[in-house]
Amino acid sequence: AFLWQYDQAEKTLRTALAKAAHSRIFFAAGLAY
């Protein structure tokens, strides 16, 4: 995202967010949201 690769960033973050929420890694989930 910081490098303006928004489509790839969205895909990466959505996938990781689901895993973070499932694994209860809340700080990382907050960054992703």
PDB file of all heavy atoms in Angstrom:
ATOM      1  N   ALA A   1       0.834  -1.213   0.000  1.00  0.00           N
ATOM      2  CA  ALA A   1       0.000   0.000   0.000  1.00  0.00           C
ATOM      3  C   ALA A   1       0.862   1.254   0.000  1.00  0.00           C
ATOM      4  O   ALA A   1       0.582   2.202  -0.737  1.00  0.00           O
ATOM      5  CB  ALA A   1      -0.930  -0.005   1.209  1.00  0.00           C
ATOM      6  N   PHE A   2       1.905   1.265   0.806  1.00  0.00           N
ATOM      7  CA  PHE A   2       2.779   2.437   0.876  1.00  0.00           C
ATOM      8  C   PHE A   2       3.510   2.672  -0.443  1.00  0.00           C
ATOM      9  O   PHE A   2       3.947   3.782  -0.728  1.00  0.00           O
ATOM     10  CB  PHE A   2       3.786   2.309   2.013  1.00  0.00           C
ATOM     11  CG  PHE A   2       3.175   2.311   3.387  1.00  0.00           C
ATOM     12  CD1 PHE A   2       3.943   1.964   4.483  1.00  0.00           C
ATOM     13  CD2 PHE A   2       1.851   2.642   3.611  1.00  0.00           C
ATOM     14  CE1 PHE A   2       3.403   1.963   5.765  1.00  0.00           C
ATOM     15  CE2 PHE A   2       1.298   2.635   4.885  1.00  0.00           C
ATOM     16  CZ  PHE A   2       2.075   2.297   5.963  1.00  0.00           C
ATOM     17  N   LEU A   3       3.653   1.606  -1.239  1.00  0.00           N
ATOM     18  CA  LEU A   3       4.289   1.714  -2.553  1.00  0.00           C
ATOM     19  C   LEU A   3       3.253   1.855  -3.669  1.00  0.00           C
ATOM     20  O   LEU A   3       3.564   1.674  -4.839  1.00  0.00           O
ATOM     21  CB  LEU A   3       5.191   0.498  -2.794  1.00  0.00           C
ATOM     22  CG  LEU A   3       6.391   0.393  -1.858  1.00  0.00           C
ATOM     23  CD1 LEU A   3       7.076  -0.963  -1.988  1.00  0.00           C
ATOM     24  CD2 LEU A   3       7.369   1.527  -2.116  1.00  0.00           C
ATOM     25  N   TRP A   4       2.015   2.159  -3.311  1.00  0.00           N
ATOM     26  CA  TRP A   4       0.901   2.438  -4.227  1.00  0.00           C
ATOM     27  C   TRP A   4       0.465   1.226  -5.037  1.00  0.00           C
ATOM     28  O   TRP A   4      -0.148   1.366  -6.082  1.00  0.00           O
ATOM     29  CB  TRP A   4       1.219   3.610  -5.147  1.00  0.00           C
ATOM     30  CG  TRP A   4       1.545   4.887  -4.446  1.00  0.00           C
ATOM     31  CD1 TRP A   4       1.358   5.186  -3.122  1.00  0.00           C
ATOM     32  CD2 TRP A   4       2.107   6.049  -5.014  1.00  0.00           C
ATOM     33  NE1 TRP A   4       1.768   6.463  -2.844  1.00  0.00           N
ATOM     34  CE2 TRP A   4       2.242   7.020  -3.998  1.00  0.00           C
ATOM     35  CE3 TRP A   4       2.515   6.385  -6.302  1.00  0.00           C
ATOM     36  CZ2 TRP A   4       2.757   8.287  -4.214  1.00  0.00           C
ATOM     37  CZ3 TRP A   4       3.033   7.646  -6.518  1.00  0.00           C
ATOM     38  CH2 TRP A   4       3.143   8.579  -5.494  1.00  0.00           C
ATOM     39  N   GLN A   5       0.736   0.050  -4.554  1.00  0.00           N
ATOM     40  CA  GLN A   5       0.284  -1.181  -5.209  1.00  0.00           C
ATOM     41  C   GLN A   5      -1.037  -1.592  -4.548  1.00  0.00           C
ATOM     42  O   GLN A   5      -1.139  -2.618  -3.894  1.00  0.00           O
ATOM     43  CB  GLN A   5       1.344  -2.272  -5.068  1.00  0.00           C
ATOM     44  CG  GLN A   5       2.665  -1.908  -5.684  1.00  0.00           C
ATOM     45  CD  GLN A   5       3.778  -2.880  -5.311  1.00  0.00           C
ATOM     46  OE1 GLN A   5       3.562  -3.890  -4.655  1.00  0.00           O
ATOM     47  NE2 GLN A   5       4.986  -2.558  -5.738  1.00  0.00           N
ATOM     48  N   TYR A   6      -2.057  -0.766  -4.738  1.00  0.00           N
ATOM     49  CA  TYR A   6      -3.281  -0.894  -3.965  1.00  0.00           C
ATOM     50  C   TYR A   6      -4.048  -2.188  -4.204  1.00  0.00           C
ATOM     51  O   TYR A   6      -4.568  -2.785  -3.258  1.00  0.00           O
ATOM     52  CB  TYR A   6      -4.196   0.309  -4.202  1.00  0.00           C
ATOM     53  CG  TYR A   6      -3.574   1.606  -3.767  1.00  0.00           C
ATOM     54  CD1 TYR A   6      -3.446   2.669  -4.650  1.00  0.00           C
ATOM     55  CD2 TYR A   6      -3.089   1.769  -2.470  1.00  0.00           C
ATOM     56  CE1 TYR A   6      -2.866   3.859  -4.258  1.00  0.00           C
ATOM     57  CE2 TYR A   6      -2.499   2.957  -2.075  1.00  0.00           C
ATOM     58  CZ  TYR A   6      -2.398   4.000  -2.965  1.00  0.00           C
ATOM     59  OH  TYR A   6      -1.823   5.171  -2.581  1.00  0.00           O
ATOM     60  N   ASP A   7      -4.139  -2.647  -5.447  1.00  0.00           N
ATOM     61  CA  ASP A   7      -4.878  -3.878  -5.715  1.00  0.00           C
ATOM     62  C   ASP A   7      -4.216  -5.073  -5.035  1.00  0.00           C
ATOM     63  O   ASP A   7      -4.887  -5.896  -4.413  1.00  0.00           O
ATOM     64  CB  ASP A   7      -5.004  -4.122  -7.222  1.00  0.00           C
ATOM     65  CG  ASP A   7      -5.909  -3.105  -7.901  1.00  0.00           C
ATOM     66  OD1 ASP A   7      -6.803  -2.561  -7.217  1.00  0.00           O
ATOM     67  OD2 ASP A   7      -5.718  -2.853  -9.100  1.00  0.00           O
ATOM     68  N   GLN A   8      -2.884  -5.153  -5.144  1.00  0.00           N
ATOM     69  CA  GLN A   8      -2.169  -6.248  -4.497  1.00  0.00           C
ATOM     70  C   GLN A   8      -2.249  -6.119  -2.982  1.00  0.00           C
ATOM     71  O   GLN A   8      -2.427  -7.105  -2.271  1.00  0.00           O
ATOM     72  CB  GLN A   8      -0.707  -6.291  -4.955  1.00  0.00           C
ATOM     73  CG  GLN A   8       0.066  -7.461  -4.379  1.00  0.00           C
ATOM     74  CD  GLN A   8      -0.532  -8.803  -4.741  1.00  0.00           C
ATOM     75  OE1 GLN A   8      -0.954  -9.034  -5.870  1.00  0.00           O
ATOM     76  NE2 GLN A   8      -0.600  -9.702  -3.767  1.00  0.00           N
ATOM     77  N   ALA A   9      -2.122  -4.910  -2.475  1.00  0.00           N
ATOM     78  CA  ALA A   9      -2.204  -4.685  -1.027  1.00  0.00           C
ATOM     79  C   ALA A   9      -3.566  -5.100  -0.491  1.00  0.00           C
ATOM     80  O   ALA A   9      -3.662  -5.745   0.561  1.00  0.00           O
ATOM     81  CB  ALA A   9      -1.938  -3.213  -0.706  1.00  0.00           C
ATOM     82  N   GLU A  10      -4.615  -4.747  -1.215  1.00  0.00           N
ATOM     83  CA  GLU A  10      -5.972  -5.129  -0.782  1.00  0.00           C
ATOM     84  C   GLU A  10      -6.097  -6.644  -0.691  1.00  0.00           C
ATOM     85  O   GLU A  10      -6.603  -7.179   0.296  1.00  0.00           O
ATOM     86  CB  GLU A  10      -7.000  -4.567  -1.763  1.00  0.00           C
ATOM     87  CG  GLU A  10      -8.424  -4.901  -1.395  1.00  0.00           C
ATOM     88  CD  GLU A  10      -9.434  -4.378  -2.405  1.00  0.00           C
ATOM     89  OE1 GLU A  10      -9.062  -3.613  -3.319  1.00  0.00           O
ATOM     90  OE2 GLU A  10     -10.609  -4.753  -2.277  1.00  0.00           O
ATOM     91  N   LYS A  11      -5.611  -7.328  -1.698  1.00  0.00           N
ATOM     92  CA  LYS A  11      -5.672  -8.799  -1.709  1.00  0.00           C
ATOM     93  C   LYS A  11      -4.871  -9.386  -0.539  1.00  0.00           C
ATOM     94  O   LYS A  11      -5.359 -10.249   0.195  1.00  0.00           O
ATOM     95  CB  LYS A  11      -5.129  -9.313  -3.043  1.00  0.00           C
ATOM     96  CG  LYS A  11      -5.147 -10.795  -3.189  1.00  0.00           C
ATOM     97  CD  LYS A  11      -4.574 -11.214  -4.544  1.00  0.00           C
ATOM     98  CE  LYS A  11      -4.422 -12.711  -4.624  1.00  0.00           C
ATOM     99  NZ  LYS A  11      -3.732 -13.123  -5.842  1.00  0.00           N
ATOM    100  N   THR A  12      -3.655  -8.909  -0.366  1.00  0.00           N
ATOM    101  CA  THR A  12      -2.793  -9.405   0.707  1.00  0.00           C
ATOM    102  C   THR A  12      -3.418  -9.156   2.078  1.00  0.00           C
ATOM    103  O   THR A  12      -3.473 -10.048   2.927  1.00  0.00           O
ATOM    104  CB  THR A  12      -1.407  -8.733   0.639  1.00  0.00           C
ATOM    105  OG1 THR A  12      -0.816  -9.016  -0.635  1.00  0.00           O
ATOM    106  CG2 THR A  12      -0.487  -9.221   1.744  1.00  0.00           C
ATOM    107  N   LEU A  13      -3.909  -7.934   2.279  1.00  0.00           N
ATOM    108  CA  LEU A  13      -4.456  -7.566   3.588  1.00  0.00           C
ATOM    109  C   LEU A  13      -5.754  -8.303   3.889  1.00  0.00           C
ATOM    110  O   LEU A  13      -5.982  -8.719   5.037  1.00  0.00           O
ATOM    111  CB  LEU A  13      -4.654  -6.058   3.679  1.00  0.00           C
ATOM    112  CG  LEU A  13      -3.366  -5.251   3.764  1.00  0.00           C
ATOM    113  CD1 LEU A  13      -3.646  -3.766   3.556  1.00  0.00           C
ATOM    114  CD2 LEU A  13      -2.658  -5.490   5.097  1.00  0.00           C
ATOM    115  N   ARG A  14      -6.624  -8.470   2.909  1.00  0.00           N
ATOM    116  CA  ARG A  14      -7.880  -9.188   3.160  1.00  0.00           C
ATOM    117  C   ARG A  14      -7.613 -10.631   3.552  1.00  0.00           C
ATOM    118  O   ARG A  14      -8.241 -11.153   4.470  1.00  0.00           O
ATOM    119  CB  ARG A  14      -8.794  -9.099   1.941  1.00  0.00           C
ATOM    120  CG  ARG A  14      -9.424  -7.722   1.841  1.00  0.00           C
ATOM    121  CD  ARG A  14     -10.342  -7.522   0.686  1.00  0.00           C
ATOM    122  NE  ARG A  14     -11.069  -8.684   0.264  1.00  0.00           N
ATOM    123  CZ  ARG A  14     -11.733  -8.750  -0.869  1.00  0.00           C
ATOM    124  NH1 ARG A  14     -11.768  -7.724  -1.672  1.00  0.00           N
ATOM    125  NH2 ARG A  14     -12.382  -9.836  -1.208  1.00  0.00           N
ATOM    126  N   THR A  15      -6.685 -11.280   2.858  1.00  0.00           N
ATOM    127  CA  THR A  15      -6.340 -12.668   3.191  1.00  0.00           C
ATOM    128  C   THR A  15      -5.723 -12.750   4.585  1.00  0.00           C
ATOM    129  O   THR A  15      -6.109 -13.590   5.398  1.00  0.00           O
ATOM    130  CB  THR A  15      -5.357 -13.235   2.146  1.00  0.00           C
ATOM    131  OG1 THR A  15      -5.959 -13.148   0.865  1.00  0.00           O
ATOM    132  CG2 THR A  15      -4.993 -14.669   2.457  1.00  0.00           C
ATOM    133  N   ALA A  16      -4.776 -11.872   4.871  1.00  0.00           N
ATOM    134  CA  ALA A  16      -4.092 -11.889   6.168  1.00  0.00           C
ATOM    135  C   ALA A  16      -5.032 -11.487   7.300  1.00  0.00           C
ATOM    136  O   ALA A  16      -4.925 -12.017   8.414  1.00  0.00           O
ATOM    137  CB  ALA A  16      -2.878 -10.973   6.140  1.00  0.00           C
ATOM    138  N   LEU A  17      -5.957 -10.581   7.032  1.00  0.00           N
ATOM    139  CA  LEU A  17      -6.901 -10.147   8.061  1.00  0.00           C
ATOM    140  C   LEU A  17      -7.766 -11.297   8.530  1.00  0.00           C
ATOM    141  O   LEU A  17      -7.978 -11.469   9.733  1.00  0.00           O
ATOM    142  CB  LEU A  17      -7.767  -8.993   7.544  1.00  0.00           C
ATOM    143  CG  LEU A  17      -8.838  -8.474   8.488  1.00  0.00           C
ATOM    144  CD1 LEU A  17      -8.240  -8.001   9.802  1.00  0.00           C
ATOM    145  CD2 LEU A  17      -9.612  -7.343   7.824  1.00  0.00           C
ATOM    146  N   ALA A  18      -8.238 -12.097   7.605  1.00  0.00           N
ATOM    147  CA  ALA A  18      -9.056 -13.256   7.985  1.00  0.00           C
ATOM    148  C   ALA A  18      -8.260 -14.207   8.874  1.00  0.00           C
ATOM    149  O   ALA A  18      -8.771 -14.710   9.879  1.00  0.00           O
ATOM    150  CB  ALA A  18      -9.556 -13.969   6.732  1.00  0.00           C
ATOM    151  N   LYS A  19      -7.006 -14.425   8.522  1.00  0.00           N
ATOM    152  CA  LYS A  19      -6.157 -15.318   9.323  1.00  0.00           C
ATOM    153  C   LYS A  19      -5.833 -14.698  10.677  1.00  0.00           C
ATOM    154  O   LYS A  19      -5.790 -15.398  11.692  1.00  0.00           O
ATOM    155  CB  LYS A  19      -4.869 -15.639   8.557  1.00  0.00           C
ATOM    156  CG  LYS A  19      -5.109 -16.497   7.344  1.00  0.00           C
ATOM    157  CD  LYS A  19      -3.831 -16.726   6.560  1.00  0.00           C
ATOM    158  CE  LYS A  19      -4.119 -17.532   5.308  1.00  0.00           C
ATOM    159  NZ  LYS A  19      -2.940 -17.696   4.463  1.00  0.00           N
ATOM    160  N   ALA A  20      -5.602 -13.396  10.708  1.00  0.00           N
ATOM    161  CA  ALA A  20      -5.288 -12.722  11.976  1.00  0.00           C
ATOM    162  C   ALA A  20      -6.481 -12.787  12.920  1.00  0.00           C
ATOM    163  O   ALA A  20      -6.323 -13.063  14.119  1.00  0.00           O
ATOM    164  CB  ALA A  20      -4.890 -11.268  11.719  1.00  0.00           C
ATOM    165  N   ALA A  21      -7.669 -12.549  12.404  1.00  0.00           N
ATOM    166  CA  ALA A  21      -8.865 -12.611  13.243  1.00  0.00           C
ATOM    167  C   ALA A  21      -9.079 -14.025  13.762  1.00  0.00           C
ATOM    168  O   ALA A  21      -9.375 -14.215  14.946  1.00  0.00           O
ATOM    169  CB  ALA A  21     -10.082 -12.132  12.453  1.00  0.00           C
ATOM    170  N   HIS A  22      -8.899 -15.012  12.889  1.00  0.00           N
ATOM    171  CA  HIS A  22      -9.061 -16.416  13.296  1.00  0.00           C
ATOM    172  C   HIS A  22      -8.029 -16.815  14.347  1.00  0.00           C
ATOM    173  O   HIS A  22      -8.336 -17.552  15.285  1.00  0.00           O
ATOM    174  CB  HIS A  22      -8.951 -17.335  12.077  1.00  0.00           C
ATOM    175  CG  HIS A  22      -9.080 -18.784  12.405  1.00  0.00           C
ATOM    176  ND1 HIS A  22     -10.285 -19.353  12.752  1.00  0.00           N
ATOM    177  CD2 HIS A  22      -8.158 -19.771  12.464  1.00  0.00           C
ATOM    178  CE1 HIS A  22     -10.092 -20.638  13.011  1.00  0.00           C
ATOM    179  NE2 HIS A  22      -8.811 -20.919  12.840  1.00  0.00           N
ATOM    180  N   SER A  23      -6.810 -16.314  14.209  1.00  0.00           N
ATOM    181  CA  SER A  23      -5.723 -16.651  15.138  1.00  0.00           C
ATOM    182  C   SER A  23      -5.674 -15.725  16.352  1.00  0.00           C
ATOM    183  O   SER A  23      -4.788 -15.852  17.187  1.00  0.00           O
ATOM    184  CB  SER A  23      -4.379 -16.606  14.414  1.00  0.00           C
ATOM    185  OG  SER A  23      -4.358 -17.522  13.362  1.00  0.00           O
ATOM    186  N   ARG A  24      -6.588 -14.768  16.393  1.00  0.00           N
ATOM    187  CA  ARG A  24      -6.693 -13.838  17.511  1.00  0.00           C
ATOM    188  C   ARG A  24      -5.439 -12.976  17.662  1.00  0.00           C
ATOM    189  O   ARG A  24      -4.964 -12.729  18.752  1.00  0.00           O
ATOM    190  CB  ARG A  24      -7.053 -14.571  18.795  1.00  0.00           C
ATOM    191  CG  ARG A  24      -8.340 -15.380  18.651  1.00  0.00           C
ATOM    192  CD  ARG A  24      -8.730 -16.163  19.880  1.00  0.00           C
ATOM    193  NE  ARG A  24      -8.949 -15.332  21.042  1.00  0.00           N
ATOM    194  CZ  ARG A  24     -10.072 -14.673  21.347  1.00  0.00           C
ATOM    195  NH1 ARG A  24     -11.093 -14.732  20.527  1.00  0.00           N
ATOM    196  NH2 ARG A  24     -10.172 -13.958  22.436  1.00  0.00           N
ATOM    197  N   ILE A  25      -4.897 -12.536  16.543  1.00  0.00           N
ATOM    198  CA  ILE A  25      -3.746 -11.632  16.521  1.00  0.00           C
ATOM    199  C   ILE A  25      -4.320 -10.239  16.274  1.00  0.00           C
ATOM    200  O   ILE A  25      -4.371  -9.754  15.154  1.00  0.00           O
ATOM    201  CB  ILE A  25      -2.721 -12.054  15.451  1.00  0.00           C
ATOM    202  CG1 ILE A  25      -2.277 -13.496  15.680  1.00  0.00           C
ATOM    203  CG2 ILE A  25      -1.522 -11.115  15.459  1.00  0.00           C
ATOM    204  CD1 ILE A  25      -1.418 -14.068  14.581  1.00  0.00           C
ATOM    205  N   PHE A  26      -4.769  -9.621  17.347  1.00  0.00           N
ATOM    206  CA  PHE A  26      -5.613  -8.440  17.233  1.00  0.00           C
ATOM    207  C   PHE A  26      -4.854  -7.177  16.835  1.00  0.00           C
ATOM    208  O   PHE A  26      -5.381  -6.356  16.099  1.00  0.00           O
ATOM    209  CB  PHE A  26      -6.389  -8.217  18.523  1.00  0.00           C
ATOM    210  CG  PHE A  26      -7.304  -9.362  18.845  1.00  0.00           C
ATOM    211  CD1 PHE A  26      -7.146 -10.094  20.009  1.00  0.00           C
ATOM    212  CD2 PHE A  26      -8.311  -9.722  17.968  1.00  0.00           C
ATOM    213  CE1 PHE A  26      -7.990 -11.148  20.301  1.00  0.00           C
ATOM    214  CE2 PHE A  26      -9.161 -10.773  18.242  1.00  0.00           C
ATOM    215  CZ  PHE A  26      -9.001 -11.493  19.421  1.00  0.00           C
ATOM    216  N   PHE A  27      -3.635  -6.990  17.293  1.00  0.00           N
ATOM    217  CA  PHE A  27      -2.886  -5.789  16.913  1.00  0.00           C
ATOM    218  C   PHE A  27      -2.677  -5.758  15.404  1.00  0.00           C
ATOM    219  O   PHE A  27      -2.908  -4.747  14.749  1.00  0.00           O
ATOM    220  CB  PHE A  27      -1.541  -5.712  17.643  1.00  0.00           C
ATOM    221  CG  PHE A  27      -0.739  -4.501  17.254  1.00  0.00           C
ATOM    222  CD1 PHE A  27      -1.071  -3.247  17.754  1.00  0.00           C
ATOM    223  CD2 PHE A  27       0.329  -4.593  16.381  1.00  0.00           C
ATOM    224  CE1 PHE A  27      -0.350  -2.113  17.385  1.00  0.00           C
ATOM    225  CE2 PHE A  27       1.058  -3.474  16.004  1.00  0.00           C
ATOM    226  CZ  PHE A  27       0.713  -2.229  16.513  1.00  0.00           C
ATOM    227  N   ALA A  28      -2.271  -6.888  14.848  1.00  0.00           N
ATOM    228  CA  ALA A  28      -2.053  -6.978  13.403  1.00  0.00           C
ATOM    229  C   ALA A  28      -3.373  -6.795  12.650  1.00  0.00           C
ATOM    230  O   ALA A  28      -3.408  -6.141  11.605  1.00  0.00           O
ATOM    231  CB  ALA A  28      -1.416  -8.315  13.049  1.00  0.00           C
ATOM    232  N   ALA A  29      -4.446  -7.348  13.188  1.00  0.00           N
ATOM    233  CA  ALA A  29      -5.761  -7.179  12.557  1.00  0.00           C
ATOM    234  C   ALA A  29      -6.151  -5.707  12.536  1.00  0.00           C
ATOM    235  O   ALA A  29      -6.693  -5.213  11.539  1.00  0.00           O
ATOM    236  CB  ALA A  29      -6.814  -8.010  13.288  1.00  0.00           C
ATOM    237  N   GLY A  30      -5.860  -4.984  13.611  1.00  0.00           N
ATOM    238  CA  GLY A  30      -6.159  -3.559  13.657  1.00  0.00           C
ATOM    239  C   GLY A  30      -5.402  -2.790  12.592  1.00  0.00           C
ATOM    240  O   GLY A  30      -5.963  -1.898  11.939  1.00  0.00           O
ATOM    241  N   LEU A  31      -4.133  -3.133  12.393  1.00  0.00           N
ATOM    242  CA  LEU A  31      -3.350  -2.493  11.326  1.00  0.00           C
ATOM    243  C   LEU A  31      -3.961  -2.787   9.956  1.00  0.00           C
ATOM    244  O   LEU A  31      -4.041  -1.906   9.096  1.00  0.00           O
ATOM    245  CB  LEU A  31      -1.900  -2.992  11.349  1.00  0.00           C
ATOM    246  CG  LEU A  31      -1.018  -2.548  12.511  1.00  0.00           C
ATOM    247  CD1 LEU A  31       0.317  -3.288  12.473  1.00  0.00           C
ATOM    248  CD2 LEU A  31      -0.792  -1.051  12.459  1.00  0.00           C
ATOM    249  N   ALA A  32      -4.385  -4.034   9.766  1.00  0.00           N
ATOM    250  CA  ALA A  32      -4.955  -4.427   8.475  1.00  0.00           C
ATOM    251  C   ALA A  32      -6.280  -3.711   8.215  1.00  0.00           C
ATOM    252  O   ALA A  32      -6.515  -3.229   7.099  1.00  0.00           O
ATOM    253  CB  ALA A  32      -5.151  -5.943   8.428  1.00  0.00           C
ATOM    254  N   TYR A  33      -7.158  -3.638   9.222  1.00  0.00           N
ATOM    255  CA  TYR A  33      -8.421  -2.917   9.040  1.00  0.00           C
ATOM    256  C   TYR A  33      -8.158  -1.467   8.635  1.00  0.00           C
ATOM    257  O   TYR A  33      -8.792  -0.944   7.723  1.00  0.00           O
ATOM    258  CB  TYR A  33      -9.244  -2.920  10.333  1.00  0.00           C
ATOM    259  CG  TYR A  33     -10.131  -4.121  10.516  1.00  0.00           C
ATOM    260  CD1 TYR A  33      -9.991  -4.943  11.627  1.00  0.00           C
ATOM    261  CD2 TYR A  33     -11.140  -4.433   9.604  1.00  0.00           C
ATOM    262  CE1 TYR A  33     -10.815  -6.038  11.816  1.00  0.00           C
ATOM    263  CE2 TYR A  33     -11.963  -5.526   9.784  1.00  0.00           C
ATOM    264  CZ  TYR A  33     -11.801  -6.328  10.893  1.00  0.00           C
ATOM    265  OH  TYR A  33     -12.621  -7.411  11.071  1.00  0.00           O
TER     266      TYR A  33
END
